[in-house]
Every structure is written in structure tokens, then in C-alpha cells.
Amino acid sequence: MSKQFSMNNVDVKEFIKALDLCKGNVMLITSENDHFNLKSKLSQLAGIINLIEGGRLVDAKIYCENADDESMLFRMNLFGPQDQA
């Protein structure tokens, strides 16, 4: 089972694009322990609106059901968006 990792200072536009490429459910977990399934566009809006500060995503934990999704989002968190060509 995949583990949680923190997302900090993420480009929201690129993060949404990456979520669209994910195969499994991706949960955003807030510091208040709210859970948002980011595969749902409505949950993306609700979850990200709660976390936007100055156009950047702050202080969130991400849980991925799919290990490949976790790897992609973790790399994006470390190195920024990569070309998906």
C-alpha cells in the first residue's frame, strides 16, 4: 500500500494536469484531516481552494492508491513538472 507524502509550494496548474494523468485515486489530506479525492473535479476545486496561498499549494499530504501515481507526483514535488511527451 502506498504511503503519504507532503506537497509543498506546488504549481497548481501543473499539479491539476498531473492529476489528470493518474490511474488510481489520489487523496489530498489537510492538516484538519479533511480528505478530498482529487480524481473528482469538484473535490479538486474544494480541496485546492482550501490550500491556495498566493497561487501556490501549501501544507498538504497526498495519498495515492497507485504506486506509479505516487512516484510521478513525488518526483513532481521534488523536481517540478516534467515533460510528458
PDB file of N, CA and C in Angstrom:
ATOM      1  N   MET A   1       0.848  -1.182   0.000  1.00  0.00           N
ATOM      2  CA  MET A   1       0.000   0.000   0.000  1.00  0.00           C
ATOM      3  C   MET A   1       0.892   1.243   0.000  1.00  0.00           C
ATOM      4  N   SER A   2       0.496   2.231  -0.781  1.00  0.00           N
ATOM      5  CA  SER A   2       1.281   3.451  -0.903  1.00  0.00           C
ATOM      6  C   SER A   2       1.224   4.266   0.376  1.00  0.00           C
ATOM      7  N   LYS A   3       2.208   5.137   0.530  1.00  0.00           N
ATOM      8  CA  LYS A   3       2.267   5.966   1.735  1.00  0.00           C
ATOM      9  C   LYS A   3       1.946   7.415   1.397  1.00  0.00           C
ATOM     10  N   GLN A   4       1.799   8.208   2.419  1.00  0.00           N
ATOM     11  CA  GLN A   4       1.532   9.631   2.261  1.00  0.00           C
ATOM     12  C   GLN A   4       2.844  10.381   2.109  1.00  0.00           C
ATOM     13  N   PHE A   5       2.791  11.483   1.394  1.00  0.00           N
ATOM     14  CA  PHE A   5       3.930  12.385   1.345  1.00  0.00           C
ATOM     15  C   PHE A   5       3.404  13.808   1.308  1.00  0.00           C
ATOM     16  N   SER A   6       4.230  14.733   1.724  1.00  0.00           N
ATOM     17  CA  SER A   6       3.829  16.142   1.794  1.00  0.00           C
ATOM     18  C   SER A   6       4.041  16.818   0.458  1.00  0.00           C
ATOM     19  N   MET A   7       3.110  17.682   0.103  1.00  0.00           N
ATOM     20  CA  MET A   7       3.241  18.522  -1.083  1.00  0.00           C
ATOM     21  C   MET A   7       3.400  19.949  -0.592  1.00  0.00           C
ATOM     22  N   ASN A   8       4.425  20.616  -1.065  1.00  0.00           N
ATOM     23  CA  ASN A   8       4.671  21.996  -0.656  1.00  0.00           C
ATOM     24  C   ASN A   8       5.083  22.821  -1.861  1.00  0.00           C
ATOM     25  N   ASN A   9       4.553  24.043  -1.930  1.00  0.00           N
ATOM     26  CA  ASN A   9       4.968  25.000  -2.949  1.00  0.00           C
ATOM     27  C   ASN A   9       4.839  24.435  -4.363  1.00  0.00           C
ATOM     28  N   VAL A  10       3.686  23.841  -4.673  1.00  0.00           N
ATOM     29  CA  VAL A  10       3.447  23.203  -5.963  1.00  0.00           C
ATOM     30  C   VAL A  10       2.721  24.166  -6.890  1.00  0.00           C
ATOM     31  N   ASP A  11       3.101  24.163  -8.159  1.00  0.00           N
ATOM     32  CA  ASP A  11       2.392  24.925  -9.181  1.00  0.00           C
ATOM     33  C   ASP A  11       1.027  24.262  -9.381  1.00  0.00           C
ATOM     34  N   VAL A  12      -0.042  24.942  -9.007  1.00  0.00           N
ATOM     35  CA  VAL A  12      -1.382  24.349  -9.000  1.00  0.00           C
ATOM     36  C   VAL A  12      -1.803  23.905 -10.400  1.00  0.00           C
ATOM     37  N   LYS A  13      -1.555  24.717 -11.412  1.00  0.00           N
ATOM     38  CA  LYS A  13      -1.938  24.374 -12.788  1.00  0.00           C
ATOM     39  C   LYS A  13      -1.264  23.076 -13.231  1.00  0.00           C
ATOM     40  N   GLU A  14       0.024  22.946 -12.982  1.00  0.00           N
ATOM     41  CA  GLU A  14       0.756  21.731 -13.361  1.00  0.00           C
ATOM     42  C   GLU A  14       0.315  20.536 -12.516  1.00  0.00           C
ATOM     43  N   PHE A  15      -0.013  20.775 -11.268  1.00  0.00           N
ATOM     44  CA  PHE A  15      -0.484  19.711 -10.383  1.00  0.00           C
ATOM     45  C   PHE A  15      -1.805  19.134 -10.897  1.00  0.00           C
ATOM     46  N   ILE A  16      -2.728  19.999 -11.336  1.00  0.00           N
ATOM     47  CA  ILE A  16      -4.013  19.544 -11.888  1.00  0.00           C
ATOM     48  C   ILE A  16      -3.768  18.714 -13.151  1.00  0.00           C
ATOM     49  N   LYS A  17      -2.854  19.158 -14.011  1.00  0.00           N
ATOM     50  CA  LYS A  17      -2.525  18.381 -15.217  1.00  0.00           C
ATOM     51  C   LYS A  17      -2.007  16.999 -14.838  1.00  0.00           C
ATOM     52  N   ALA A  18      -1.148  16.943 -13.833  1.00  0.00           N
ATOM     53  CA  ALA A  18      -0.592  15.662 -13.391  1.00  0.00           C
ATOM     54  C   ALA A  18      -1.689  14.762 -12.817  1.00  0.00           C
ATOM     55  N   LEU A  19      -2.636  15.331 -12.081  1.00  0.00           N
ATOM     56  CA  LEU A  19      -3.740  14.537 -11.527  1.00  0.00           C
ATOM     57  C   LEU A  19      -4.547  13.874 -12.632  1.00  0.00           C
ATOM     58  N   ASP A  20      -4.719  14.574 -13.756  1.00  0.00           N
ATOM     59  CA  ASP A  20      -5.468  14.005 -14.878  1.00  0.00           C
ATOM     60  C   ASP A  20      -4.774  12.783 -15.469  1.00  0.00           C
ATOM     61  N   LEU A  21      -3.472  12.662 -15.269  1.00  0.00           N
ATOM     62  CA  LEU A  21      -2.713  11.514 -15.770  1.00  0.00           C
ATOM     63  C   LEU A  21      -2.720  10.327 -14.805  1.00  0.00           C
ATOM     64  N   CYS A  22      -3.147  10.541 -13.579  1.00  0.00           N
ATOM     65  CA  CYS A  22      -3.131   9.475 -12.572  1.00  0.00           C
ATOM     66  C   CYS A  22      -4.150   8.392 -12.899  1.00  0.00           C
ATOM     67  N   LYS A  23      -3.781   7.146 -12.615  1.00  0.00           N
ATOM     68  CA  LYS A  23      -4.632   5.992 -12.907  1.00  0.00           C
ATOM     69  C   LYS A  23      -5.555   5.637 -11.747  1.00  0.00           C
ATOM     70  N   GLY A  24      -5.104   5.833 -10.523  1.00  0.00           N
ATOM     71  CA  GLY A  24      -5.890   5.485  -9.341  1.00  0.00           C
ATOM     72  C   GLY A  24      -6.350   6.720  -8.596  1.00  0.00           C
ATOM     73  N   ASN A  25      -7.024   6.494  -7.483  1.00  0.00           N
ATOM     74  CA  ASN A  25      -7.474   7.603  -6.644  1.00  0.00           C
ATOM     75  C   ASN A  25      -6.287   8.278  -5.976  1.00  0.00           C
ATOM     76  N   VAL A  26      -6.375   9.589  -5.878  1.00  0.00           N
ATOM     77  CA  VAL A  26      -5.365  10.409  -5.213  1.00  0.00           C
ATOM     78  C   VAL A  26      -6.102  11.234  -4.164  1.00  0.00           C
ATOM     79  N   MET A  27      -5.717  11.057  -2.915  1.00  0.00           N
ATOM     80  CA  MET A  27      -6.383  11.764  -1.820  1.00  0.00           C
ATOM     81  C   MET A  27      -5.508  12.905  -1.324  1.00  0.00           C
ATOM     82  N   LEU A  28      -6.109  14.067  -1.143  1.00  0.00           N
ATOM     83  CA  LEU A  28      -5.454  15.194  -0.501  1.00  0.00           C
ATOM     84  C   LEU A  28      -5.944  15.209   0.937  1.00  0.00           C
ATOM     85  N   ILE A  29      -5.026  15.244   1.882  1.00  0.00           N
ATOM     86  CA  ILE A  29      -5.369  15.218   3.304  1.00  0.00           C
ATOM     87  C   ILE A  29      -4.853  16.509   3.934  1.00  0.00           C
ATOM     88  N   THR A  30      -5.777  17.289   4.474  1.00  0.00           N
ATOM     89  CA  THR A  30      -5.419  18.585   5.055  1.00  0.00           C
ATOM     90  C   THR A  30      -4.924  18.416   6.486  1.00  0.00           C
ATOM     91  N   SER A  31      -4.397  19.496   7.030  1.00  0.00           N
ATOM     92  CA  SER A  31      -3.934  19.473   8.422  1.00  0.00           C
ATOM     93  C   SER A  31      -5.095  19.284   9.393  1.00  0.00           C
ATOM     94  N   GLU A  32      -6.337  19.576   8.949  1.00  0.00           N
ATOM     95  CA  GLU A  32      -7.531  19.332   9.773  1.00  0.00           C
ATOM     96  C   GLU A  32      -8.069  17.915   9.572  1.00  0.00           C
ATOM     97  N   ASN A  33      -7.336  17.084   8.805  1.00  0.00           N
ATOM     98  CA  ASN A  33      -7.688  15.699   8.498  1.00  0.00           C
ATOM     99  C   ASN A  33      -8.905  15.581   7.578  1.00  0.00           C
ATOM    100  N   ASP A  34      -9.185  16.625   6.789  1.00  0.00           N
ATOM    101  CA  ASP A  34     -10.192  16.518   5.734  1.00  0.00           C
ATOM    102  C   ASP A  34      -9.575  15.732   4.589  1.00  0.00           C
ATOM    103  N   HIS A  35     -10.376  14.883   3.939  1.00  0.00           N
ATOM    104  CA  HIS A  35      -9.913  14.069   2.820  1.00  0.00           C
ATOM    105  C   HIS A  35     -10.674  14.470   1.558  1.00  0.00           C
ATOM    106  N   PHE A  36      -9.939  14.745   0.477  1.00  0.00           N
ATOM    107  CA  PHE A  36     -10.530  15.088  -0.812  1.00  0.00           C
ATOM    108  C   PHE A  36      -9.973  14.132  -1.859  1.00  0.00           C
ATOM    109  N   ASN A  37     -10.872  13.449  -2.607  1.00  0.00           N
ATOM    110  CA  ASN A  37     -10.439  12.580  -3.698  1.00  0.00           C
ATOM    111  C   ASN A  37     -10.180  13.468  -4.912  1.00  0.00           C
ATOM    112  N   LEU A  38      -8.921  13.666  -5.248  1.00  0.00           N
ATOM    113  CA  LEU A  38      -8.544  14.612  -6.290  1.00  0.00           C
ATOM    114  C   LEU A  38      -8.774  14.102  -7.702  1.00  0.00           C
ATOM    115  N   LYS A  39      -9.307  12.896  -7.862  1.00  0.00           N
ATOM    116  CA  LYS A  39      -9.712  12.434  -9.187  1.00  0.00           C
ATOM    117  C   LYS A  39     -11.040  13.077  -9.579  1.00  0.00           C
ATOM    118  N   SER A  40     -11.772  13.603  -8.625  1.00  0.00           N
ATOM    119  CA  SER A  40     -13.034  14.306  -8.862  1.00  0.00           C
ATOM    120  C   SER A  40     -12.740  15.791  -9.054  1.00  0.00           C
ATOM    121  N   LYS A  41     -13.242  16.365 -10.147  1.00  0.00           N
ATOM    122  CA  LYS A  41     -13.013  17.796 -10.405  1.00  0.00           C
ATOM    123  C   LYS A  41     -13.620  18.661  -9.296  1.00  0.00           C
ATOM    124  N   LEU A  42     -14.783  18.277  -8.777  1.00  0.00           N
ATOM    125  CA  LEU A  42     -15.398  19.039  -7.692  1.00  0.00           C
ATOM    126  C   LEU A  42     -14.525  18.995  -6.439  1.00  0.00           C
ATOM    127  N   SER A  43     -13.997  17.821  -6.115  1.00  0.00           N
ATOM    128  CA  SER A  43     -13.103  17.703  -4.953  1.00  0.00           C
ATOM    129  C   SER A  43     -11.798  18.454  -5.183  1.00  0.00           C
ATOM    130  N   GLN A  44     -11.319  18.473  -6.432  1.00  0.00           N
ATOM    131  CA  GLN A  44     -10.119  19.255  -6.734  1.00  0.00           C
ATOM    132  C   GLN A  44     -10.357  20.715  -6.376  1.00  0.00           C
ATOM    133  N   LEU A  45     -11.491  21.246  -6.815  1.00  0.00           N
ATOM    134  CA  LEU A  45     -11.805  22.648  -6.518  1.00  0.00           C
ATOM    135  C   LEU A  45     -11.911  22.891  -5.023  1.00  0.00           C
ATOM    136  N   ALA A  46     -12.683  22.055  -4.345  1.00  0.00           N
ATOM    137  CA  ALA A  46     -12.887  22.239  -2.901  1.00  0.00           C
ATOM    138  C   ALA A  46     -11.577  22.093  -2.134  1.00  0.00           C
ATOM    139  N   GLY A  47     -10.813  21.059  -2.444  1.00  0.00           N
ATOM    140  CA  GLY A  47      -9.568  20.808  -1.728  1.00  0.00           C
ATOM    141  C   GLY A  47      -8.513  21.860  -1.988  1.00  0.00           C
ATOM    142  N   ILE A  48      -8.350  22.225  -3.230  1.00  0.00           N
ATOM    143  CA  ILE A  48      -7.290  23.167  -3.576  1.00  0.00           C
ATOM    144  C   ILE A  48      -7.637  24.581  -3.127  1.00  0.00           C
ATOM    145  N   ILE A  49      -8.905  24.948  -3.199  1.00  0.00           N
ATOM    146  CA  ILE A  49      -9.299  26.276  -2.707  1.00  0.00           C
ATOM    147  C   ILE A  49      -8.937  26.420  -1.231  1.00  0.00           C
ATOM    148  N   ASN A  50      -9.080  25.339  -0.463  1.00  0.00           N
ATOM    149  CA  ASN A  50      -8.725  25.374   0.960  1.00  0.00           C
ATOM    150  C   ASN A  50      -7.230  25.568   1.185  1.00  0.00           C
ATOM    151  N   LEU A  51      -6.429  25.224   0.209  1.00  0.00           N
ATOM    152  CA  LEU A  51      -4.982  25.203   0.413  1.00  0.00           C
ATOM    153  C   LEU A  51      -4.205  26.255  -0.361  1.00  0.00           C
ATOM    154  N   ILE A  52      -4.890  27.039  -1.188  1.00  0.00           N
ATOM    155  CA  ILE A  52      -4.169  28.024  -2.001  1.00  0.00           C
ATOM    156  C   ILE A  52      -3.779  29.231  -1.158  1.00  0.00           C
ATOM    157  N   GLU A  53      -2.521  29.563  -1.299  1.00  0.00           N
ATOM    158  CA  GLU A  53      -1.996  30.770  -0.650  1.00  0.00           C
ATOM    159  C   GLU A  53      -1.027  31.397  -1.634  1.00  0.00           C
ATOM    160  N   GLY A  54      -1.391  32.539  -2.188  1.00  0.00           N
ATOM    161  CA  GLY A  54      -0.527  33.204  -3.156  1.00  0.00           C
ATOM    162  C   GLY A  54      -0.342  32.421  -4.444  1.00  0.00           C
ATOM    163  N   GLY A  55      -1.355  31.646  -4.849  1.00  0.00           N
ATOM    164  CA  GLY A  55      -1.273  30.884  -6.088  1.00  0.00           C
ATOM    165  C   GLY A  55      -0.468  29.603  -5.989  1.00  0.00           C
ATOM    166  N   ARG A  56      -0.057  29.223  -4.812  1.00  0.00           N
ATOM    167  CA  ARG A  56       0.729  28.003  -4.616  1.00  0.00           C
ATOM    168  C   ARG A  56       0.042  27.106  -3.604  1.00  0.00           C
ATOM    169  N   LEU A  57       0.198  25.801  -3.774  1.00  0.00           N
ATOM    170  CA  LEU A  57      -0.357  24.827  -2.838  1.00  0.00           C
ATOM    171  C   LEU A  57       0.561  24.734  -1.624  1.00  0.00           C
ATOM    172  N   VAL A  58      -0.013  24.786  -0.432  1.00  0.00           N
ATOM    173  CA  VAL A  58       0.811  24.738   0.775  1.00  0.00           C
ATOM    174  C   VAL A  58       0.313  23.672   1.736  1.00  0.00           C
ATOM    175  N   ASP A  59       1.232  23.061   2.458  1.00  0.00           N
ATOM    176  CA  ASP A  59       0.947  22.194   3.598  1.00  0.00           C
ATOM    177  C   ASP A  59      -0.139  21.152   3.369  1.00  0.00           C
ATOM    178  N   ALA A  60       0.105  20.223   2.451  1.00  0.00           N
ATOM    179  CA  ALA A  60      -0.858  19.158   2.180  1.00  0.00           C
ATOM    180  C   ALA A  60      -0.149  17.817   2.173  1.00  0.00           C
ATOM    181  N   LYS A  61      -0.896  16.783   2.506  1.00  0.00           N
ATOM    182  CA  LYS A  61      -0.390  15.420   2.375  1.00  0.00           C
ATOM    183  C   LYS A  61      -1.155  14.774   1.231  1.00  0.00           C
ATOM    184  N   ILE A  62      -0.468  13.962   0.473  1.00  0.00           N
ATOM    185  CA  ILE A  62      -1.055  13.258  -0.657  1.00  0.00           C
ATOM    186  C   ILE A  62      -0.933  11.764  -0.408  1.00  0.00           C
ATOM    187  N   TYR A  63      -2.024  11.047  -0.655  1.00  0.00           N
ATOM    188  CA  TYR A  63      -2.037   9.588  -0.576  1.00  0.00           C
ATOM    189  C   TYR A  63      -2.490   9.069  -1.934  1.00  0.00           C
ATOM    190  N   CYS A  64      -1.711   8.181  -2.538  1.00  0.00           N
ATOM    191  CA  CYS A  64      -2.043   7.597  -3.836  1.00  0.00           C
ATOM    192  C   CYS A  64      -2.295   6.107  -3.683  1.00  0.00           C
ATOM    193  N   GLU A  65      -3.381   5.624  -4.289  1.00  0.00           N
ATOM    194  CA  GLU A  65      -3.648   4.186  -4.301  1.00  0.00           C
ATOM    195  C   GLU A  65      -2.681   3.465  -5.235  1.00  0.00           C
ATOM    196  N   ASN A  66      -2.289   4.127  -6.317  1.00  0.00           N
ATOM    197  CA  ASN A  66      -1.445   3.533  -7.343  1.00  0.00           C
ATOM    198  C   ASN A  66       0.006   3.982  -7.136  1.00  0.00           C
ATOM    199  N   ALA A  67       0.923   3.027  -7.068  1.00  0.00           N
ATOM    200  CA  ALA A  67       2.339   3.337  -6.813  1.00  0.00           C
ATOM    201  C   ALA A  67       2.953   4.187  -7.926  1.00  0.00           C
ATOM    202  N   ASP A  68       2.532   3.971  -9.186  1.00  0.00           N
ATOM    203  CA  ASP A  68       3.056   4.781 -10.291  1.00  0.00           C
ATOM    204  C   ASP A  68       2.619   6.240 -10.156  1.00  0.00           C
ATOM    205  N   ASP A  69       1.376   6.446  -9.729  1.00  0.00           N
ATOM    206  CA  ASP A  69       0.886   7.808  -9.498  1.00  0.00           C
ATOM    207  C   ASP A  69       1.692   8.472  -8.390  1.00  0.00           C
ATOM    208  N   GLU A  70       1.938   7.717  -7.323  1.00  0.00           N
ATOM    209  CA  GLU A  70       2.720   8.242  -6.202  1.00  0.00           C
ATOM    210  C   GLU A  70       4.109   8.663  -6.666  1.00  0.00           C
ATOM    211  N   SER A  71       4.742   7.822  -7.465  1.00  0.00           N
ATOM    212  CA  SER A  71       6.082   8.115  -7.964  1.00  0.00           C
ATOM    213  C   SER A  71       6.082   9.384  -8.819  1.00  0.00           C
ATOM    214  N   MET A  72       5.105   9.500  -9.728  1.00  0.00           N
ATOM    215  CA  MET A  72       5.028  10.666 -10.604  1.00  0.00           C
ATOM    216  C   MET A  72       4.821  11.950  -9.793  1.00  0.00           C
ATOM    217  N   LEU A  73       3.868  11.932  -8.857  1.00  0.00           N
ATOM    218  CA  LEU A  73       3.582  13.135  -8.072  1.00  0.00           C
ATOM    219  C   LEU A  73       4.720  13.470  -7.111  1.00  0.00           C
ATOM    220  N   PHE A  74       5.370  12.448  -6.569  1.00  0.00           N
ATOM    221  CA  PHE A  74       6.509  12.677  -5.676  1.00  0.00           C
ATOM    222  C   PHE A  74       7.657  13.337  -6.440  1.00  0.00           C
ATOM    223  N   ARG A  75       7.950  12.826  -7.655  1.00  0.00           N
ATOM    224  CA  ARG A  75       9.001  13.438  -8.485  1.00  0.00           C
ATOM    225  C   ARG A  75       8.643  14.875  -8.843  1.00  0.00           C
ATOM    226  N   MET A  76       7.366  15.104  -9.158  1.00  0.00           N
ATOM    227  CA  MET A  76       6.928  16.465  -9.476  1.00  0.00           C
ATOM    228  C   MET A  76       7.140  17.386  -8.276  1.00  0.00           C
ATOM    229  N   ASN A  77       6.860  16.884  -7.093  1.00  0.00           N
ATOM    230  CA  ASN A  77       7.047  17.654  -5.865  1.00  0.00           C
ATOM    231  C   ASN A  77       8.522  18.012  -5.667  1.00  0.00           C
ATOM    232  N   LEU A  78       9.421  17.079  -5.975  1.00  0.00           N
ATOM    233  CA  LEU A  78      10.858  17.316  -5.793  1.00  0.00           C
ATOM    234  C   LEU A  78      11.475  18.166  -6.896  1.00  0.00           C
ATOM    235  N   PHE A  79      11.133  17.837  -8.149  1.00  0.00           N
ATOM    236  CA  PHE A  79      11.852  18.400  -9.290  1.00  0.00           C
ATOM    237  C   PHE A  79      11.030  19.341 -10.157  1.00  0.00           C
ATOM    238  N   GLY A  80       9.743  19.502  -9.858  1.00  0.00           N
ATOM    239  CA  GLY A  80       8.877  20.318 -10.702  1.00  0.00           C
ATOM    240  C   GLY A  80       8.312  19.483 -11.836  1.00  0.00           C
ATOM    241  N   PRO A  81       7.448  20.096 -12.650  1.00  0.00           N
ATOM    242  CA  PRO A  81       6.795  19.350 -13.734  1.00  0.00           C
ATOM    243  C   PRO A  81       7.808  18.845 -14.753  1.00  0.00           C
ATOM    244  N   GLN A  82       7.579  17.638 -15.236  1.00  0.00           N
ATOM    245  CA  GLN A  82       8.419  17.031 -16.265  1.00  0.00           C
ATOM    246  C   GLN A  82       7.608  16.944 -17.548  1.00  0.00           C
ATOM    247  N   ASP A  83       8.273  16.982 -18.692  1.00  0.00           N
ATOM    248  CA  ASP A  83       7.572  16.814 -19.968  1.00  0.00           C
ATOM    249  C   ASP A  83       6.975  15.425 -20.027  1.00  0.00           C
ATOM    250  N   GLN A  84       5.716  15.329 -20.450  1.00  0.00           N
ATOM    251  CA  GLN A  84       5.010  14.053 -20.527  1.00  0.00           C
ATOM    252  C   GLN A  84       5.019  13.507 -21.950  1.00  0.00           C
ATOM    253  N   ALA A  85       5.953  13.938 -22.800  1.00  0.00           N
ATOM    254  CA  ALA A  85       5.998  13.558 -24.215  1.00  0.00           C
ATOM    255  C   ALA A  85       6.227  12.109 -24.442  1.00  0.00           C
TER     256      ALA A  85
END
